Each structure stands twice: as C-alpha cells, then as structure tokens.
Amino acid sequence: MKLFTTGLLAASLGFGAFAAQAQDDVTLQLKWVTQAQFAGYYVALENGYYEDEGLNVEIKAGGPDVSPTQVIAGGGADVVVDWMPSALSAREKGLALVNIAQPFASSGMMLTCRKDAGVETTDDFAGKTLGVWFYGNEFPFLSWMAHLGLSTDGGDDGVTVLKQGFNVDPILQGQAACVSTMTYNEYWQIIDAGLTPEELTVFKYEDQGVATLEDGLYVLESNLDDPAFVDRMTRFVRASMKGWKWAEENPDAAAEIVLDYDETGAQTIEHQTRMMGEIAKLTAGSDGSLDEAAYARTVATLLAGGDNPVITMEPTGAWTHMITDAALN
C-alpha cells in the first residue's frame, strides 16, 4: 500500500516530488555517550521528524575513546557534534571542518571547587591542583588560565593540571581542589556523592567571559560543494531543531526517549530527566543559527592562549549560515 500511495503521489505531483520522498542516508557522530545532551537528535529520530524529511539517520554514540574529528576525517560520519575549540584546532591543522548549525546557544562548562580546599575566587587558583578533561576539552581551560596569567606548569604562582578522567573522583578523594564539570552532568555527580552546594564554589565559563561554543554540528568543507549534500544537511538540521524544540517543551518525555536509545543500560530516568532540564537552558533561544558574537568570543578566547594558544590565526570559512538559512525558510 505504501508503494502504491507514493506512486500516486509521484503521478500527481511529478517525478521530482517523488524523488524528494526517497530516504537519504545521514550518519551523525555524537561527541559523547547516549544521554540527554543529545536529546534533540533522538527525539527527531523517535518522533519521525527525520523520516518526514526523507532521511534515514543513523546516530552513532561517542565515548572516551571516540574523537568526532577523527571519525569524520575517516569517512565514518557525514556530520558530527563537537565543541568549537576542537573543531577550530582541527581546521588549523588541516581538517577543514565547518560549523553548519549551533543548537547550543550557551556553554555548560564549569570549574567546580571545594571551599575547604581554599578556593572561593579565581585569585585562589594559584598553587592549587585543578582537574581538567583532555581529548580536546582542555582548550577552553588553558585559554582561561592564560587569560588569568596563570602558568599551567605548577608552582606557587601557577596551577597544577591533573588530567581528569570523565568522572569527579579527584575532588571527592582530595586529589584536586577543583574539577571540570558540566552544568547538566558532573556537577550533579558531586552533589549526589554527598557534598552540598554550600560547600562548593562554582565558576561558570560563561560568567568568566571565556566560554566557547559547544555541541555544534560540523561537516567537511569539501562536501558543501555538493548540492545534494547541502540539501540533505538542510533537511537534517530542520528536523533536528524541531527535535530540540520539542525536547525543550517536553523534557520528561524527551528524557524517556533518550533512555530508550541507551543500549548500555547505564543511564537512569532520574539522571536523564535532571540533565534534560539543564540542557534545555543551553538550547533555549536557539533556532540553530550560529551567533556571530559568540563565535567571535570563542575565537578570541582560543587565540589568547599565551605561549600555547589553541589556534594561532583568525580562522576563515569555519562557519556558514547557508544550511540554517535554508532550513528556516
């Protein structure tokens, strides 16, 4: 019956309309594991928004050993979710990534510190050990320390950088005065472990003026020369943003959808519901278009890296509104 129906549609609207109904494959590589951080994409898949756009979308979960830039460089994905510092660093090194959409309007990055470790202001960082994520996540931190005039080589006038695993053990076990956290995830792990908000000092990168853009959608620049690829990405972004807006308005249901797609069984509905509530704050107000002022701030932060800047020159061609403009019209 489905073939018959689409056949009638083709006959009445012409072959071009029929071709537009074909299911075009798109592979999306996430930056991290299946969780509410990526709810908009899972909602778009579950609610049929991708199918409505004629897309067959495969969502590939990430993890500690998965680099989105390496995946897309190797042909393992059409589009990836990544943080802009990682993408711009990769671009300068020769992997021409382009930001085609920015669902996250603000940053969830924080440094969370124990007050009993003597940290209440940024002036207290000197001489302390700070936990930092690597694999591309260290770039905003290193730029921030350079902005504060603090060496990351240790000593009384600098900070000692502890290569932090993707957990908060160092702050719980007294190995570090502060650890990297996200508003929607690791901060709450610290709270769940028994520390109270009153015992913590939180430094949001947004408040410090050094926030960089997170969780954007990136493709290879060369692919944007292909009109068929541009068309696929336009439909993909339109469906994805529809998923994000639905997730914002229905956070509890979105959390349940994410949980359904978690093949590891590691996530809980309580954790995902709380995470979705925080994620909705970061995507709020975004229609998917990159904010040029936020981009400029990101670039300025990354250039201000002292002796080890994340990027050494102003990028060109690192973003485009072509896809979001088409998706919104």
Protein backbone atom coordinates (compact mmCIF):
# COMPACT_ATOMS: atom_id res chain seq x y z
CA MET A 1 0.00 0.00 0.00
CA LYS A 2 2.88 2.38 0.81
CA LEU A 3 4.42 1.90 -2.66
CA PHE A 4 1.04 2.42 -4.26
CA THR A 5 0.44 5.60 -2.30
CA THR A 6 3.81 7.12 -3.14
CA GLY A 7 3.26 6.05 -6.75
CA LEU A 8 0.03 8.04 -6.87
CA LEU A 9 1.84 10.98 -5.30
CA ALA A 10 4.52 10.81 -7.97
CA ALA A 11 1.89 10.67 -10.70
CA SER A 12 0.02 13.67 -9.35
CA LEU A 13 3.00 15.85 -8.39
CA GLY A 14 5.63 14.71 -10.86
CA PHE A 15 8.80 12.64 -10.55
CA GLY A 16 10.70 15.41 -8.72
CA ALA A 17 8.29 15.29 -5.80
CA PHE A 18 8.56 11.50 -5.72
CA ALA A 19 12.35 11.64 -5.66
CA ALA A 20 12.23 14.04 -2.73
CA GLN A 21 10.46 11.35 -0.73
CA ALA A 22 13.40 8.95 -1.07
CA GLN A 23 15.16 8.05 2.14
CA ASP A 24 18.62 9.63 2.02
CA ASP A 25 21.16 8.23 4.47
CA VAL A 26 22.80 10.51 7.05
CA THR A 27 25.23 9.35 9.72
CA LEU A 28 25.60 11.53 12.82
CA GLN A 29 28.53 11.02 15.21
CA LEU A 30 27.92 12.25 18.75
CA LYS A 31 30.62 13.69 20.98
CA TRP A 32 29.73 11.50 23.95
CA VAL A 33 27.58 8.59 25.05
CA THR A 34 23.81 8.41 24.65
CA GLN A 35 22.36 10.92 27.08
CA ALA A 36 20.06 13.94 27.21
CA GLN A 37 22.91 16.13 25.98
CA PHE A 38 21.85 14.88 22.54
CA ALA A 39 18.11 14.61 23.17
CA GLY A 40 17.09 16.68 20.15
CA TYR A 41 18.53 14.15 17.73
CA TYR A 42 16.97 11.15 19.44
CA VAL A 43 13.62 12.96 19.62
CA ALA A 44 13.81 13.76 15.90
CA LEU A 45 14.50 10.10 15.20
CA GLU A 46 11.81 8.75 17.52
CA ASN A 47 9.12 11.25 16.51
CA GLY A 48 9.69 10.66 12.80
CA TYR A 49 10.97 14.15 12.01
CA TYR A 50 13.89 12.76 10.03
CA GLU A 51 11.61 10.37 8.18
CA ASP A 52 9.31 13.26 7.36
CA GLU A 53 12.28 14.96 5.71
CA GLY A 54 13.09 11.87 3.66
CA LEU A 55 16.10 10.93 5.77
CA ASN A 56 17.35 7.66 7.18
CA VAL A 57 19.51 8.86 10.07
CA GLU A 58 21.97 6.70 11.98
CA ILE A 59 23.07 8.15 15.32
CA LYS A 60 26.43 6.83 16.50
CA ALA A 61 27.15 7.22 20.21
CA GLY A 62 30.54 8.54 21.26
CA GLY A 63 32.65 7.82 24.31
CA PRO A 64 36.06 8.41 25.91
CA ASP A 65 37.87 6.73 23.03
CA VAL A 66 35.86 8.34 20.22
CA SER A 67 37.06 11.55 18.55
CA PRO A 68 34.39 13.08 16.29
CA THR A 69 37.07 14.81 14.21
CA GLN A 70 38.85 11.52 13.58
CA VAL A 71 35.57 9.79 12.73
CA ILE A 72 34.56 12.34 10.12
CA ALA A 73 38.10 12.52 8.72
CA GLY A 74 37.98 8.77 8.19
CA GLY A 75 34.60 8.88 6.44
CA GLY A 76 32.69 7.37 9.35
CA ALA A 77 30.12 10.17 9.58
CA ASP A 78 28.51 12.85 7.44
CA VAL A 79 28.10 15.27 10.32
CA VAL A 80 29.45 15.36 13.88
CA VAL A 81 28.61 17.01 17.17
CA ASP A 82 31.70 18.70 18.58
CA TRP A 83 32.89 21.66 20.59
CA MET A 84 34.19 24.60 18.58
CA PRO A 85 37.67 24.65 20.18
CA SER A 86 38.26 21.11 18.96
CA ALA A 87 36.83 21.89 15.52
CA LEU A 88 38.85 25.07 15.03
CA SER A 89 42.02 23.38 16.23
CA ALA A 90 41.43 20.56 13.75
CA ARG A 91 40.75 23.07 10.99
CA GLU A 92 44.04 24.86 11.59
CA LYS A 93 45.83 21.52 11.44
CA GLY A 94 44.34 20.74 8.04
CA LEU A 95 40.95 19.11 8.65
CA ALA A 96 38.58 21.68 7.14
CA LEU A 97 35.53 21.43 9.38
CA VAL A 98 32.68 23.91 9.02
CA ASN A 99 30.00 24.70 11.59
CA ILE A 100 26.63 24.42 9.82
CA ALA A 101 24.39 24.81 12.89
CA GLN A 102 24.67 25.71 16.58
CA PRO A 103 21.80 24.25 18.63
CA PHE A 104 23.56 25.14 21.92
CA ALA A 105 23.28 28.90 22.48
CA SER A 106 25.36 28.92 25.66
CA SER A 107 28.05 26.92 27.42
CA GLY A 108 27.54 24.44 30.24
CA MET A 109 31.24 24.29 31.15
CA MET A 110 32.22 24.96 34.77
CA LEU A 111 35.07 24.52 37.20
CA THR A 112 33.67 23.24 40.49
CA CYS A 113 35.82 23.69 43.61
CA ARG A 114 35.74 22.78 47.28
CA LYS A 115 35.65 25.74 49.64
CA ASP A 116 37.51 23.71 52.25
CA ALA A 117 40.37 23.44 49.73
CA GLY A 118 40.69 27.21 49.94
CA VAL A 119 39.04 28.22 46.68
CA GLU A 120 36.41 30.94 46.69
CA THR A 121 37.63 33.29 43.93
CA THR A 122 39.88 32.94 40.89
CA ASP A 123 42.64 34.56 42.95
CA ASP A 124 42.75 31.32 44.95
CA PHE A 125 43.72 29.14 41.98
CA ALA A 126 47.45 29.78 42.31
CA GLY A 127 49.23 26.84 43.87
CA LYS A 128 46.22 24.55 43.53
CA THR A 129 45.69 21.34 41.58
CA LEU A 130 42.86 21.57 39.09
CA GLY A 131 41.24 18.65 37.29
CA VAL A 132 40.97 19.10 33.54
CA TRP A 133 39.45 16.96 30.79
CA PHE A 134 41.62 16.42 27.75
CA TYR A 135 40.93 14.96 24.27
CA GLY A 136 40.07 18.45 23.02
CA ASN A 137 38.11 19.52 26.09
CA GLU A 138 41.15 21.18 27.68
CA PHE A 139 41.30 24.07 25.22
CA PRO A 140 38.84 26.45 26.96
CA PHE A 141 40.53 25.81 30.31
CA LEU A 142 44.02 26.51 29.01
CA SER A 143 42.83 29.73 27.41
CA TRP A 144 41.16 30.79 30.67
CA MET A 145 44.34 30.20 32.67
CA ALA A 146 46.32 32.25 30.14
CA HIS A 147 43.70 35.00 30.48
CA LEU A 148 44.24 34.93 34.27
CA GLY A 149 48.01 34.99 33.82
CA LEU A 150 48.45 31.61 35.49
CA SER A 151 51.02 29.09 34.31
CA THR A 152 49.81 25.51 33.96
CA ASP A 153 53.24 24.14 34.88
CA GLY A 154 52.61 24.11 38.62
CA GLY A 155 54.36 26.03 41.36
CA ASP A 156 53.08 28.64 43.78
CA ASP A 157 52.37 31.14 41.01
CA GLY A 158 50.66 28.70 38.69
CA VAL A 159 48.30 25.75 38.75
CA THR A 160 49.00 22.05 38.57
CA VAL A 161 46.87 20.38 35.93
CA LEU A 162 45.54 16.94 36.79
CA LYS A 163 44.44 15.01 33.73
CA GLN A 164 40.92 14.24 34.86
CA GLY A 165 39.04 11.15 33.82
CA PHE A 166 35.44 11.56 32.80
CA ASN A 167 34.36 11.47 36.43
CA VAL A 168 34.65 13.65 39.53
CA ASP A 169 36.77 11.34 41.69
CA PRO A 170 39.67 13.83 42.14
CA ILE A 171 37.55 16.34 44.05
CA LEU A 172 35.89 13.63 46.13
CA GLN A 173 39.19 11.94 47.02
CA GLY A 174 41.12 15.12 47.72
CA GLN A 175 43.41 14.84 44.70
CA ALA A 176 42.33 18.21 43.31
CA ALA A 177 40.83 21.39 44.70
CA CYS A 178 38.67 21.79 41.60
CA VAL A 179 37.43 19.64 38.75
CA SER A 180 35.89 20.23 35.36
CA THR A 181 32.12 19.78 35.33
CA MET A 182 29.16 20.46 33.11
CA THR A 183 26.03 22.12 34.45
CA TYR A 184 23.99 19.15 33.29
CA ASN A 185 26.13 16.22 34.40
CA GLU A 186 29.26 16.09 36.57
CA TYR A 187 28.21 18.86 38.95
CA TRP A 188 25.27 16.73 39.97
CA GLN A 189 27.56 13.72 40.45
CA ILE A 190 29.38 15.75 43.10
CA ILE A 191 26.10 16.64 44.78
CA ASP A 192 24.91 13.03 44.64
CA ALA A 193 28.20 11.97 46.25
CA GLY A 194 27.33 13.96 49.37
CA LEU A 195 28.76 17.46 49.00
CA THR A 196 26.29 20.33 49.22
CA PRO A 197 26.09 23.42 47.01
CA GLU A 198 27.10 25.50 50.05
CA GLU A 199 30.37 23.58 50.27
CA LEU A 200 31.25 24.34 46.67
CA THR A 201 32.40 27.30 44.62
CA VAL A 202 31.34 27.19 41.00
CA PHE A 203 32.96 29.14 38.19
CA LYS A 204 30.89 29.14 35.02
CA TYR A 205 32.91 29.80 31.89
CA GLU A 206 30.04 32.00 30.67
CA ASP A 207 30.39 34.22 33.74
CA GLN A 208 34.17 34.41 33.34
CA GLY A 209 33.86 35.70 29.79
CA VAL A 210 35.83 32.80 28.33
CA ALA A 211 33.02 30.46 27.31
CA THR A 212 33.42 28.78 23.96
CA LEU A 213 30.70 27.31 21.79
CA GLU A 214 29.77 23.70 22.49
CA ASP A 215 27.84 20.96 20.71
CA GLY A 216 27.71 22.46 17.25
CA LEU A 217 27.14 20.49 14.06
CA TYR A 218 30.17 20.20 11.78
CA VAL A 219 30.76 18.83 8.29
CA LEU A 220 33.72 18.68 5.93
CA GLU A 221 34.04 21.88 3.91
CA SER A 222 34.56 19.98 0.66
CA ASN A 223 31.13 18.36 0.99
CA LEU A 224 29.42 21.75 0.91
CA ASP A 225 30.30 22.00 -2.78
CA ASP A 226 27.83 19.17 -3.43
CA PRO A 227 24.23 20.49 -3.80
CA ALA A 228 22.80 17.08 -2.88
CA PHE A 229 24.80 17.06 0.37
CA VAL A 230 23.70 20.61 1.18
CA ASP A 231 20.10 19.55 0.62
CA ARG A 232 20.49 16.57 2.96
CA MET A 233 22.05 18.73 5.67
CA THR A 234 19.33 21.34 5.31
CA ARG A 235 16.66 18.71 5.91
CA PHE A 236 18.73 17.17 8.71
CA VAL A 237 19.16 20.47 10.55
CA ARG A 238 15.48 21.40 10.11
CA ALA A 239 14.37 18.07 11.61
CA SER A 240 17.00 18.20 14.36
CA MET A 241 15.97 21.67 15.50
CA LYS A 242 12.34 20.54 15.53
CA GLY A 243 13.52 17.75 17.81
CA TRP A 244 15.35 20.18 20.07
CA LYS A 245 12.37 22.49 20.45
CA TRP A 246 10.12 19.52 21.24
CA ALA A 247 12.63 18.32 23.83
CA GLU A 248 12.71 21.76 25.47
CA GLU A 249 8.93 21.79 25.75
CA ASN A 250 8.64 18.14 26.84
CA PRO A 251 11.74 17.48 28.97
CA ASP A 252 10.36 14.48 30.85
CA ALA A 253 9.21 12.73 27.69
CA ALA A 254 12.50 13.60 25.96
CA ALA A 255 14.44 12.00 28.81
CA GLU A 256 12.40 8.82 28.40
CA ILE A 257 13.16 8.76 24.66
CA VAL A 258 16.89 9.09 25.35
CA LEU A 259 16.70 6.26 27.86
CA ASP A 260 15.05 4.04 25.26
CA TYR A 261 18.03 4.52 22.94
CA ASP A 262 20.65 3.84 25.62
CA GLU A 263 21.90 0.37 24.73
CA THR A 264 24.32 0.24 27.66
CA GLY A 265 21.65 0.33 30.37
CA ALA A 266 23.92 2.68 32.31
CA GLN A 267 21.54 5.65 32.39
CA THR A 268 18.63 6.21 34.78
CA ILE A 269 15.45 8.15 34.18
CA GLU A 270 16.16 10.35 37.21
CA HIS A 271 19.58 11.37 35.89
CA GLN A 272 18.36 11.93 32.33
CA THR A 273 15.36 13.97 33.44
CA ARG A 274 17.55 16.26 35.52
CA MET A 275 20.07 16.50 32.69
CA MET A 276 17.38 17.37 30.17
CA GLY A 277 16.19 20.20 32.39
CA GLU A 278 19.68 21.70 32.37
CA ILE A 279 20.27 21.07 28.67
CA ALA A 280 17.05 22.93 27.84
CA LYS A 281 18.61 26.05 29.38
CA LEU A 282 21.54 25.82 26.96
CA THR A 283 19.47 25.32 23.81
CA ALA A 284 16.81 27.85 24.77
CA GLY A 285 16.51 30.69 22.29
CA SER A 286 18.49 28.94 19.57
CA ASP A 287 16.98 28.37 16.14
CA GLY A 288 20.14 26.57 15.09
CA SER A 289 21.86 29.62 13.60
CA LEU A 290 25.39 30.39 14.76
CA ASP A 291 25.57 33.64 16.74
CA GLU A 292 28.43 35.63 15.24
CA ALA A 293 29.22 37.41 18.51
CA ALA A 294 29.53 34.08 20.33
CA TYR A 295 31.76 32.84 17.54
CA ALA A 296 33.98 35.93 17.82
CA ARG A 297 34.25 35.46 21.58
CA THR A 298 35.20 31.82 21.09
CA VAL A 299 37.93 32.73 18.62
CA ALA A 300 39.27 35.49 20.88
CA THR A 301 39.40 33.09 23.82
CA LEU A 302 41.24 30.46 21.82
CA LEU A 303 43.75 32.94 20.41
CA ALA A 304 44.52 34.23 23.91
CA GLY A 305 46.38 31.11 24.95
CA GLY A 306 49.69 32.65 25.98
CA ASP A 307 52.62 30.51 24.90
CA ASN A 308 50.29 27.70 23.82
CA PRO A 309 47.24 29.17 22.08
CA VAL A 310 44.66 26.71 20.80
CA ILE A 311 44.75 28.42 17.41
CA THR A 312 47.41 30.79 16.12
CA MET A 313 45.46 32.74 13.50
CA GLU A 314 41.96 34.02 12.85
CA PRO A 315 40.03 31.24 11.07
CA THR A 316 38.34 31.85 7.75
CA GLY A 317 35.44 29.86 6.37
CA ALA A 318 34.91 28.00 9.64
CA TRP A 319 31.14 28.51 9.72
CA THR A 320 28.23 29.11 7.40
CA HIS A 321 24.62 30.21 7.70
CA MET A 322 23.80 28.58 4.36
CA ILE A 323 22.25 25.49 5.92
CA THR A 324 20.30 27.14 8.72
CA ASP A 325 19.02 29.91 6.43
CA ALA A 326 17.66 27.28 4.06
CA ALA A 327 16.28 25.17 6.91
CA LEU A 328 14.40 28.10 8.43
CA ASN A 329 12.85 29.23 5.15
